[in-house]
Amino acid sequence: METPGLLLRAYANRMHGLQQLADVLAAETGGDRMEAQVAAGQLMAARNALINENHRRLLAGESADAVYPDAVAAAHRAFGLVEQGLGDYATRPAE
């Protein structure tokens, strides 16, 4: 996607999807709107990272059948991070 118009529309669609997901999460949990926004952002970020990696591999010439097992495993890892939190991932020891 190199054209500014397409990029703008893609961004607008992502933001709309993020808001819709946050609305559903807030309604379903009866929870805080900010928490719903954070959760929606994390879920969408995991989804987008998975899509980007799958697209990268497919555009590099790998077949969908070759990508599929890794994509399933990556989805479990990505959404596991969302579910369990980042914990000590990418932390540095105190100096």
PDB file of N, CA and C in Angstrom:
ATOM      1  N   MET A   1       0.838  -1.170   0.000  1.00  0.00           N
ATOM      2  CA  MET A   1       0.000   0.000   0.000  1.00  0.00           C
ATOM      3  C   MET A   1       0.888   1.239   0.000  1.00  0.00           C
ATOM      4  N   GLU A   2       1.035   1.811  -1.134  1.00  0.00           N
ATOM      5  CA  GLU A   2       1.901   2.972  -1.271  1.00  0.00           C
ATOM      6  C   GLU A   2       1.133   4.282  -1.425  1.00  0.00           C
ATOM      7  N   THR A   3      -0.140   4.217  -1.773  1.00  0.00           N
ATOM      8  CA  THR A   3      -0.867   5.456  -2.028  1.00  0.00           C
ATOM      9  C   THR A   3      -1.420   6.037  -0.727  1.00  0.00           C
ATOM     10  N   PRO A   4      -1.300   7.351  -0.551  1.00  0.00           N
ATOM     11  CA  PRO A   4      -1.763   7.984   0.689  1.00  0.00           C
ATOM     12  C   PRO A   4      -3.245   7.740   0.975  1.00  0.00           C
ATOM     13  N   GLY A   5      -4.066   7.752  -0.064  1.00  0.00           N
ATOM     14  CA  GLY A   5      -5.496   7.535   0.144  1.00  0.00           C
ATOM     15  C   GLY A   5      -5.794   6.155   0.707  1.00  0.00           C
ATOM     16  N   LEU A   6      -5.122   5.138   0.175  1.00  0.00           N
ATOM     17  CA  LEU A   6      -5.329   3.783   0.683  1.00  0.00           C
ATOM     18  C   LEU A   6      -4.800   3.637   2.104  1.00  0.00           C
ATOM     19  N   LEU A   7      -3.661   4.245   2.367  1.00  0.00           N
ATOM     20  CA  LEU A   7      -3.103   4.189   3.717  1.00  0.00           C
ATOM     21  C   LEU A   7      -4.038   4.845   4.726  1.00  0.00           C
ATOM     22  N   LEU A   8      -4.592   5.979   4.352  1.00  0.00           N
ATOM     23  CA  LEU A   8      -5.510   6.687   5.239  1.00  0.00           C
ATOM     24  C   LEU A   8      -6.762   5.858   5.504  1.00  0.00           C
ATOM     25  N   ARG A   9      -7.307   5.242   4.463  1.00  0.00           N
ATOM     26  CA  ARG A   9      -8.496   4.402   4.632  1.00  0.00           C
ATOM     27  C   ARG A   9      -8.195   3.174   5.480  1.00  0.00           C
ATOM     28  N   ALA A  10      -7.036   2.556   5.235  1.00  0.00           N
ATOM     29  CA  ALA A  10      -6.656   1.383   6.025  1.00  0.00           C
ATOM     30  C   ALA A  10      -6.524   1.758   7.499  1.00  0.00           C
ATOM     31  N   TYR A  11      -5.900   2.898   7.767  1.00  0.00           N
ATOM     32  CA  TYR A  11      -5.751   3.365   9.147  1.00  0.00           C
ATOM     33  C   TYR A  11      -7.125   3.642   9.766  1.00  0.00           C
ATOM     34  N   ALA A  12      -7.988   4.314   9.026  1.00  0.00           N
ATOM     35  CA  ALA A  12      -9.328   4.628   9.532  1.00  0.00           C
ATOM     36  C   ALA A  12     -10.103   3.347   9.832  1.00  0.00           C
ATOM     37  N   ASN A  13      -9.982   2.346   8.962  1.00  0.00           N
ATOM     38  CA  ASN A  13     -10.667   1.073   9.191  1.00  0.00           C
ATOM     39  C   ASN A  13     -10.140   0.377  10.440  1.00  0.00           C
ATOM     40  N   ARG A  14      -8.822   0.410  10.628  1.00  0.00           N
ATOM     41  CA  ARG A  14      -8.242  -0.204  11.828  1.00  0.00           C
ATOM     42  C   ARG A  14      -8.734   0.504  13.088  1.00  0.00           C
ATOM     43  N   MET A  15      -8.751   1.820  13.050  1.00  0.00           N
ATOM     44  CA  MET A  15      -9.196   2.573  14.224  1.00  0.00           C
ATOM     45  C   MET A  15     -10.677   2.325  14.505  1.00  0.00           C
ATOM     46  N   HIS A  16     -11.475   2.225  13.448  1.00  0.00           N
ATOM     47  CA  HIS A  16     -12.902   1.939  13.618  1.00  0.00           C
ATOM     48  C   HIS A  16     -13.078   0.558  14.249  1.00  0.00           C
ATOM     49  N   GLY A  17     -12.332  -0.424  13.761  1.00  0.00           N
ATOM     50  CA  GLY A  17     -12.394  -1.767  14.330  1.00  0.00           C
ATOM     51  C   GLY A  17     -11.972  -1.786  15.787  1.00  0.00           C
ATOM     52  N   LEU A  18     -10.943  -1.024  16.103  1.00  0.00           N
ATOM     53  CA  LEU A  18     -10.468  -0.926  17.482  1.00  0.00           C
ATOM     54  C   LEU A  18     -11.557  -0.351  18.382  1.00  0.00           C
ATOM     55  N   GLN A  19     -12.218   0.705  17.934  1.00  0.00           N
ATOM     56  CA  GLN A  19     -13.284   1.323  18.725  1.00  0.00           C
ATOM     57  C   GLN A  19     -14.468   0.376  18.895  1.00  0.00           C
ATOM     58  N   GLN A  20     -14.813  -0.345  17.825  1.00  0.00           N
ATOM     59  CA  GLN A  20     -15.923  -1.294  17.924  1.00  0.00           C
ATOM     60  C   GLN A  20     -15.613  -2.400  18.928  1.00  0.00           C
ATOM     61  N   LEU A  21     -14.388  -2.920  18.874  1.00  0.00           N
ATOM     62  CA  LEU A  21     -14.000  -3.964  19.817  1.00  0.00           C
ATOM     63  C   LEU A  21     -14.018  -3.426  21.245  1.00  0.00           C
ATOM     64  N   ALA A  22     -13.504  -2.234  21.449  1.00  0.00           N
ATOM     65  CA  ALA A  22     -13.518  -1.630  22.787  1.00  0.00           C
ATOM     66  C   ALA A  22     -14.950  -1.445  23.280  1.00  0.00           C
ATOM     67  N   ASP A  23     -15.845  -1.041  22.396  1.00  0.00           N
ATOM     68  CA  ASP A  23     -17.251  -0.876  22.775  1.00  0.00           C
ATOM     69  C   ASP A  23     -17.852  -2.202  23.239  1.00  0.00           C
ATOM     70  N   VAL A  24     -17.582  -3.265  22.485  1.00  0.00           N
ATOM     71  CA  VAL A  24     -18.112  -4.588  22.845  1.00  0.00           C
ATOM     72  C   VAL A  24     -17.520  -5.053  24.171  1.00  0.00           C
ATOM     73  N   LEU A  25     -16.210  -4.899  24.331  1.00  0.00           N
ATOM     74  CA  LEU A  25     -15.573  -5.320  25.580  1.00  0.00           C
ATOM     75  C   LEU A  25     -16.130  -4.557  26.776  1.00  0.00           C
ATOM     76  N   ALA A  26     -16.307  -3.258  26.632  1.00  0.00           N
ATOM     77  CA  ALA A  26     -16.857  -2.453  27.727  1.00  0.00           C
ATOM     78  C   ALA A  26     -18.280  -2.893  28.056  1.00  0.00           C
ATOM     79  N   ALA A  27     -19.079  -3.144  27.027  1.00  0.00           N
ATOM     80  CA  ALA A  27     -20.466  -3.561  27.248  1.00  0.00           C
ATOM     81  C   ALA A  27     -20.534  -4.949  27.877  1.00  0.00           C
ATOM     82  N   GLU A  28     -19.709  -5.865  27.401  1.00  0.00           N
ATOM     83  CA  GLU A  28     -19.745  -7.239  27.895  1.00  0.00           C
ATOM     84  C   GLU A  28     -19.215  -7.366  29.315  1.00  0.00           C
ATOM     85  N   THR A  29     -18.241  -6.553  29.669  1.00  0.00           N
ATOM     86  CA  THR A  29     -17.628  -6.667  30.994  1.00  0.00           C
ATOM     87  C   THR A  29     -18.241  -5.716  32.006  1.00  0.00           C
ATOM     88  N   GLY A  30     -18.959  -4.709  31.512  1.00  0.00           N
ATOM     89  CA  GLY A  30     -19.463  -3.684  32.409  1.00  0.00           C
ATOM     90  C   GLY A  30     -18.325  -2.918  33.066  1.00  0.00           C
ATOM     91  N   GLY A  31     -17.163  -3.026  32.431  1.00  0.00           N
ATOM     92  CA  GLY A  31     -15.956  -2.468  33.021  1.00  0.00           C
ATOM     93  C   GLY A  31     -15.644  -1.058  32.584  1.00  0.00           C
ATOM     94  N   ASP A  32     -14.514  -0.657  33.018  1.00  0.00           N
ATOM     95  CA  ASP A  32     -13.973   0.666  32.751  1.00  0.00           C
ATOM     96  C   ASP A  32     -13.670   0.826  31.261  1.00  0.00           C
ATOM     97  N   ARG A  33     -14.022   1.958  30.701  1.00  0.00           N
ATOM     98  CA  ARG A  33     -13.795   2.228  29.277  1.00  0.00           C
ATOM     99  C   ARG A  33     -12.303   2.205  28.940  1.00  0.00           C
ATOM    100  N   MET A  34     -11.461   2.749  29.803  1.00  0.00           N
ATOM    101  CA  MET A  34     -10.027   2.767  29.542  1.00  0.00           C
ATOM    102  C   MET A  34      -9.471   1.345  29.489  1.00  0.00           C
ATOM    103  N   GLU A  35      -9.911   0.485  30.405  1.00  0.00           N
ATOM    104  CA  GLU A  35      -9.456  -0.903  30.385  1.00  0.00           C
ATOM    105  C   GLU A  35      -9.888  -1.594  29.100  1.00  0.00           C
ATOM    106  N   ALA A  36     -11.095  -1.312  28.655  1.00  0.00           N
ATOM    107  CA  ALA A  36     -11.577  -1.891  27.402  1.00  0.00           C
ATOM    108  C   ALA A  36     -10.731  -1.409  26.228  1.00  0.00           C
ATOM    109  N   GLN A  37     -10.344  -0.146  26.230  1.00  0.00           N
ATOM    110  CA  GLN A  37      -9.494   0.402  25.164  1.00  0.00           C
ATOM    111  C   GLN A  37      -8.127  -0.279  25.162  1.00  0.00           C
ATOM    112  N   VAL A  38      -7.541  -0.462  26.344  1.00  0.00           N
ATOM    113  CA  VAL A  38      -6.230  -1.113  26.437  1.00  0.00           C
ATOM    114  C   VAL A  38      -6.326  -2.559  25.962  1.00  0.00           C
ATOM    115  N   ALA A  39      -7.340  -3.278  26.416  1.00  0.00           N
ATOM    116  CA  ALA A  39      -7.512  -4.670  26.001  1.00  0.00           C
ATOM    117  C   ALA A  39      -7.727  -4.765  24.495  1.00  0.00           C
ATOM    118  N   ALA A  40      -8.567  -3.907  23.957  1.00  0.00           N
ATOM    119  CA  ALA A  40      -8.813  -3.913  22.514  1.00  0.00           C
ATOM    120  C   ALA A  40      -7.529  -3.615  21.752  1.00  0.00           C
ATOM    121  N   GLY A  41      -6.758  -2.660  22.229  1.00  0.00           N
ATOM    122  CA  GLY A  41      -5.492  -2.330  21.580  1.00  0.00           C
ATOM    123  C   GLY A  41      -4.533  -3.500  21.572  1.00  0.00           C
ATOM    124  N   GLN A  42      -4.456  -4.228  22.682  1.00  0.00           N
ATOM    125  CA  GLN A  42      -3.568  -5.383  22.760  1.00  0.00           C
ATOM    126  C   GLN A  42      -4.033  -6.502  21.829  1.00  0.00           C
ATOM    127  N   LEU A  43      -5.320  -6.764  21.817  1.00  0.00           N
ATOM    128  CA  LEU A  43      -5.848  -7.805  20.932  1.00  0.00           C
ATOM    129  C   LEU A  43      -5.619  -7.455  19.463  1.00  0.00           C
ATOM    130  N   MET A  44      -5.884  -6.209  19.102  1.00  0.00           N
ATOM    131  CA  MET A  44      -5.690  -5.791  17.708  1.00  0.00           C
ATOM    132  C   MET A  44      -4.214  -5.782  17.332  1.00  0.00           C
ATOM    133  N   ALA A  45      -3.341  -5.412  18.258  1.00  0.00           N
ATOM    134  CA  ALA A  45      -1.905  -5.418  17.970  1.00  0.00           C
ATOM    135  C   ALA A  45      -1.425  -6.840  17.706  1.00  0.00           C
ATOM    136  N   ALA A  46      -1.897  -7.797  18.493  1.00  0.00           N
ATOM    137  CA  ALA A  46      -1.529  -9.196  18.270  1.00  0.00           C
ATOM    138  C   ALA A  46      -2.038  -9.660  16.910  1.00  0.00           C
ATOM    139  N   ARG A  47      -3.276  -9.340  16.618  1.00  0.00           N
ATOM    140  CA  ARG A  47      -3.865  -9.708  15.324  1.00  0.00           C
ATOM    141  C   ARG A  47      -3.072  -9.110  14.173  1.00  0.00           C
ATOM    142  N   ASN A  48      -2.744  -7.832  14.273  1.00  0.00           N
ATOM    143  CA  ASN A  48      -2.028  -7.159  13.191  1.00  0.00           C
ATOM    144  C   ASN A  48      -0.626  -7.717  13.006  1.00  0.00           C
ATOM    145  N   ALA A  49       0.051  -8.047  14.102  1.00  0.00           N
ATOM    146  CA  ALA A  49       1.386  -8.636  13.999  1.00  0.00           C
ATOM    147  C   ALA A  49       1.324  -9.981  13.286  1.00  0.00           C
ATOM    148  N   LEU A  50       0.312 -10.772  13.598  1.00  0.00           N
ATOM    149  CA  LEU A  50       0.146 -12.071  12.940  1.00  0.00           C
ATOM    150  C   LEU A  50      -0.139 -11.894  11.449  1.00  0.00           C
ATOM    151  N   ILE A  51      -1.017 -10.975  11.119  1.00  0.00           N
ATOM    152  CA  ILE A  51      -1.327 -10.706   9.709  1.00  0.00           C
ATOM    153  C   ILE A  51      -0.074 -10.260   8.968  1.00  0.00           C
ATOM    154  N   ASN A  52       0.679  -9.337   9.566  1.00  0.00           N
ATOM    155  CA  ASN A  52       1.888  -8.834   8.907  1.00  0.00           C
ATOM    156  C   ASN A  52       2.893  -9.943   8.652  1.00  0.00           C
ATOM    157  N   GLU A  53       3.090 -10.817   9.632  1.00  0.00           N
ATOM    158  CA  GLU A  53       4.049 -11.913   9.455  1.00  0.00           C
ATOM    159  C   GLU A  53       3.577 -12.888   8.385  1.00  0.00           C
ATOM    160  N   ASN A  54       2.293 -13.223   8.390  1.00  0.00           N
ATOM    161  CA  ASN A  54       1.771 -14.126   7.361  1.00  0.00           C
ATOM    162  C   ASN A  54       1.911 -13.511   5.972  1.00  0.00           C
ATOM    163  N   HIS A  55       1.583 -12.241   5.836  1.00  0.00           N
ATOM    164  CA  HIS A  55       1.731 -11.560   4.543  1.00  0.00           C
ATOM    165  C   HIS A  55       3.183 -11.545   4.094  1.00  0.00           C
ATOM    166  N   ARG A  56       4.099 -11.249   5.032  1.00  0.00           N
ATOM    167  CA  ARG A  56       5.521 -11.206   4.692  1.00  0.00           C
ATOM    168  C   ARG A  56       5.977 -12.543   4.112  1.00  0.00           C
ATOM    169  N   ARG A  57       5.599 -13.618   4.753  1.00  0.00           N
ATOM    170  CA  ARG A  57       6.029 -14.942   4.295  1.00  0.00           C
ATOM    171  C   ARG A  57       5.379 -15.320   2.971  1.00  0.00           C
ATOM    172  N   LEU A  58       4.099 -15.018   2.818  1.00  0.00           N
ATOM    173  CA  LEU A  58       3.414 -15.330   1.561  1.00  0.00           C
ATOM    174  C   LEU A  58       3.990 -14.518   0.407  1.00  0.00           C
ATOM    175  N   LEU A  59       4.264 -13.240   0.646  1.00  0.00           N
ATOM    176  CA  LEU A  59       4.849 -12.397  -0.402  1.00  0.00           C
ATOM    177  C   LEU A  59       6.276 -12.814  -0.745  1.00  0.00           C
ATOM    178  N   ALA A  60       6.953 -13.475   0.192  1.00  0.00           N
ATOM    179  CA  ALA A  60       8.303 -13.981  -0.063  1.00  0.00           C
ATOM    180  C   ALA A  60       8.270 -15.281  -0.861  1.00  0.00           C
ATOM    181  N   GLY A  61       7.065 -15.792  -1.131  1.00  0.00           N
ATOM    182  CA  GLY A  61       6.941 -16.958  -1.988  1.00  0.00           C
ATOM    183  C   GLY A  61       6.597 -18.259  -1.290  1.00  0.00           C
ATOM    184  N   GLU A  62       6.451 -18.235   0.025  1.00  0.00           N
ATOM    185  CA  GLU A  62       6.077 -19.464   0.719  1.00  0.00           C
ATOM    186  C   GLU A  62       4.605 -19.775   0.443  1.00  0.00           C
ATOM    187  N   SER A  63       4.296 -21.053   0.414  1.00  0.00           N
ATOM    188  CA  SER A  63       2.908 -21.447   0.173  1.00  0.00           C
ATOM    189  C   SER A  63       2.103 -21.307   1.462  1.00  0.00           C
ATOM    190  N   ALA A  64       0.798 -21.170   1.290  1.00  0.00           N
ATOM    191  CA  ALA A  64      -0.083 -21.080   2.456  1.00  0.00           C
ATOM    192  C   ALA A  64       0.016 -22.348   3.297  1.00  0.00           C
ATOM    193  N   ASP A  65       0.157 -23.494   2.645  1.00  0.00           N
ATOM    194  CA  ASP A  65       0.290 -24.751   3.383  1.00  0.00           C
ATOM    195  C   ASP A  65       1.555 -24.776   4.232  1.00  0.00           C
ATOM    196  N   ALA A  66       2.630 -24.170   3.739  1.00  0.00           N
ATOM    197  CA  ALA A  66       3.884 -24.125   4.497  1.00  0.00           C
ATOM    198  C   ALA A  66       3.789 -23.145   5.665  1.00  0.00           C
ATOM    199  N   VAL A  67       3.079 -22.055   5.470  1.00  0.00           N
ATOM    200  CA  VAL A  67       2.967 -21.013   6.494  1.00  0.00           C
ATOM    201  C   VAL A  67       1.996 -21.418   7.604  1.00  0.00           C
ATOM    202  N   TYR A  68       0.976 -22.166   7.260  1.00  0.00           N
ATOM    203  CA  TYR A  68      -0.127 -22.464   8.178  1.00  0.00           C
ATOM    204  C   TYR A  68       0.297 -22.990   9.551  1.00  0.00           C
ATOM    205  N   PRO A  69       1.125 -24.046   9.638  1.00  0.00           N
ATOM    206  CA  PRO A  69       1.454 -24.552  10.986  1.00  0.00           C
ATOM    207  C   PRO A  69       2.152 -23.512  11.859  1.00  0.00           C
ATOM    208  N   ASP A  70       3.058 -22.757  11.266  1.00  0.00           N
ATOM    209  CA  ASP A  70       3.740 -21.705  12.024  1.00  0.00           C
ATOM    210  C   ASP A  70       2.768 -20.594  12.412  1.00  0.00           C
ATOM    211  N   ALA A  71       1.814 -20.295  11.533  1.00  0.00           N
ATOM    212  CA  ALA A  71       0.833 -19.245  11.816  1.00  0.00           C
ATOM    213  C   ALA A  71      -0.044 -19.629  13.006  1.00  0.00           C
ATOM    214  N   VAL A  72      -0.434 -20.890  13.067  1.00  0.00           N
ATOM    215  CA  VAL A  72      -1.251 -21.359  14.194  1.00  0.00           C
ATOM    216  C   VAL A  72      -0.455 -21.263  15.494  1.00  0.00           C
ATOM    217  N   ALA A  73       0.795 -21.727  15.460  1.00  0.00           N
ATOM    218  CA  ALA A  73       1.645 -21.662  16.656  1.00  0.00           C
ATOM    219  C   ALA A  73       1.886 -20.212  17.075  1.00  0.00           C
ATOM    220  N   ALA A  74       2.122 -19.343  16.100  1.00  0.00           N
ATOM    221  CA  ALA A  74       2.352 -17.926  16.406  1.00  0.00           C
ATOM    222  C   ALA A  74       1.108 -17.294  17.017  1.00  0.00           C
ATOM    223  N   ALA A  75      -0.069 -17.673  16.527  1.00  0.00           N
ATOM    224  CA  ALA A  75      -1.316 -17.133  17.083  1.00  0.00           C
ATOM    225  C   ALA A  75      -1.471 -17.538  18.547  1.00  0.00           C
ATOM    226  N   HIS A  76      -1.149 -18.789  18.856  1.00  0.00           N
ATOM    227  CA  HIS A  76      -1.221 -19.235  20.252  1.00  0.00           C
ATOM    228  C   HIS A  76      -0.251 -18.442  21.127  1.00  0.00           C
ATOM    229  N   ARG A  77       0.964 -18.213  20.626  1.00  0.00           N
ATOM    230  CA  ARG A  77       1.946 -17.442  21.396  1.00  0.00           C
ATOM    231  C   ARG A  77       1.501 -15.989  21.560  1.00  0.00           C
ATOM    232  N   ALA A  78       1.061 -15.377  20.465  1.00  0.00           N
ATOM    233  CA  ALA A  78       0.682 -13.958  20.502  1.00  0.00           C
ATOM    234  C   ALA A  78      -0.483 -13.719  21.451  1.00  0.00           C
ATOM    235  N   PHE A  79      -1.533 -14.521  21.319  1.00  0.00           N
ATOM    236  CA  PHE A  79      -2.684 -14.308  22.186  1.00  0.00           C
ATOM    237  C   PHE A  79      -2.416 -14.802  23.603  1.00  0.00           C
ATOM    238  N   GLY A  80      -1.457 -15.717  23.760  1.00  0.00           N
ATOM    239  CA  GLY A  80      -1.008 -16.102  25.098  1.00  0.00           C
ATOM    240  C   GLY A  80      -0.356 -14.935  25.811  1.00  0.00           C
ATOM    241  N   LEU A  81       0.453 -14.165  25.073  1.00  0.00           N
ATOM    242  CA  LEU A  81       1.053 -12.968  25.661  1.00  0.00           C
ATOM    243  C   LEU A  81      -0.015 -11.975  26.095  1.00  0.00           C
ATOM    244  N   VAL A  82      -1.031 -11.813  25.265  1.00  0.00           N
ATOM    245  CA  VAL A  82      -2.114 -10.889  25.620  1.00  0.00           C
ATOM    246  C   VAL A  82      -2.842 -11.407  26.864  1.00  0.00           C
ATOM    247  N   GLU A  83      -3.139 -12.697  26.874  1.00  0.00           N
ATOM    248  CA  GLU A  83      -3.898 -13.264  27.988  1.00  0.00           C
ATOM    249  C   GLU A  83      -3.109 -13.241  29.296  1.00  0.00           C
ATOM    250  N   GLN A  84      -1.836 -13.567  29.231  1.00  0.00           N
ATOM    251  CA  GLN A  84      -1.020 -13.683  30.441  1.00  0.00           C
ATOM    252  C   GLN A  84      -0.290 -12.398  30.809  1.00  0.00           C
ATOM    253  N   GLY A  85      -0.294 -11.436  29.900  1.00  0.00           N
ATOM    254  CA  GLY A  85       0.475 -10.214  30.132  1.00  0.00           C
ATOM    255  C   GLY A  85       1.915 -10.425  29.693  1.00  0.00           C
ATOM    256  N   LEU A  86       2.639  -9.358  29.609  1.00  0.00           N
ATOM    257  CA  LEU A  86       4.014  -9.449  29.125  1.00  0.00           C
ATOM    258  C   LEU A  86       4.970  -9.965  30.191  1.00  0.00           C
ATOM    259  N   GLY A  87       4.565  -9.930  31.443  1.00  0.00           N
ATOM    260  CA  GLY A  87       5.421 -10.442  32.505  1.00  0.00           C
ATOM    261  C   GLY A  87       6.796  -9.808  32.472  1.00  0.00           C
ATOM    262  N   ASP A  88       7.825 -10.633  32.403  1.00  0.00           N
ATOM    263  CA  ASP A  88       9.185 -10.101  32.390  1.00  0.00           C
ATOM    264  C   ASP A  88       9.779 -10.022  30.987  1.00  0.00           C
ATOM    265  N   TYR A  89       8.942 -10.125  29.971  1.00  0.00           N
ATOM    266  CA  TYR A  89       9.439 -10.019  28.599  1.00  0.00           C
ATOM    267  C   TYR A  89      10.072  -8.646  28.379  1.00  0.00           C
ATOM    268  N   ALA A  90      11.267  -8.647  27.843  1.00  0.00           N
ATOM    269  CA  ALA A  90      11.993  -7.431  27.454  1.00  0.00           C
ATOM    270  C   ALA A  90      12.270  -6.490  28.628  1.00  0.00           C
ATOM    271  N   THR A  91      12.392  -7.051  29.822  1.00  0.00           N
ATOM    272  CA  THR A  91      12.754  -6.214  30.964  1.00  0.00           C
ATOM    273  C   THR A  91      14.261  -6.270  31.178  1.00  0.00           C
ATOM    274  N   ARG A  92      14.778  -5.258  31.818  1.00  0.00           N
ATOM    275  CA  ARG A  92      16.203  -5.206  32.147  1.00  0.00           C
ATOM    276  C   ARG A  92      16.347  -5.261  33.661  1.00  0.00           C
ATOM    277  N   PRO A  93      17.429  -5.871  34.117  1.00  0.00           N
ATOM    278  CA  PRO A  93      17.641  -5.860  35.568  1.00  0.00           C
ATOM    279  C   PRO A  93      17.871  -4.437  36.064  1.00  0.00           C
ATOM    280  N   ALA A  94      17.449  -4.184  37.283  1.00  0.00           N
ATOM    281  CA  ALA A  94      17.669  -2.856  37.873  1.00  0.00           C
ATOM    282  C   ALA A  94      19.160  -2.602  37.996  1.00  0.00           C
ATOM    283  N   GLU A  95      19.550  -1.385  37.718  1.00  0.00           N
ATOM    284  CA  GLU A  95      20.980  -1.040  37.791  1.00  0.00           C
ATOM    285  C   GLU A  95      21.355  -0.552  39.155  1.00  0.00           C
TER     286      GLU A  95
END
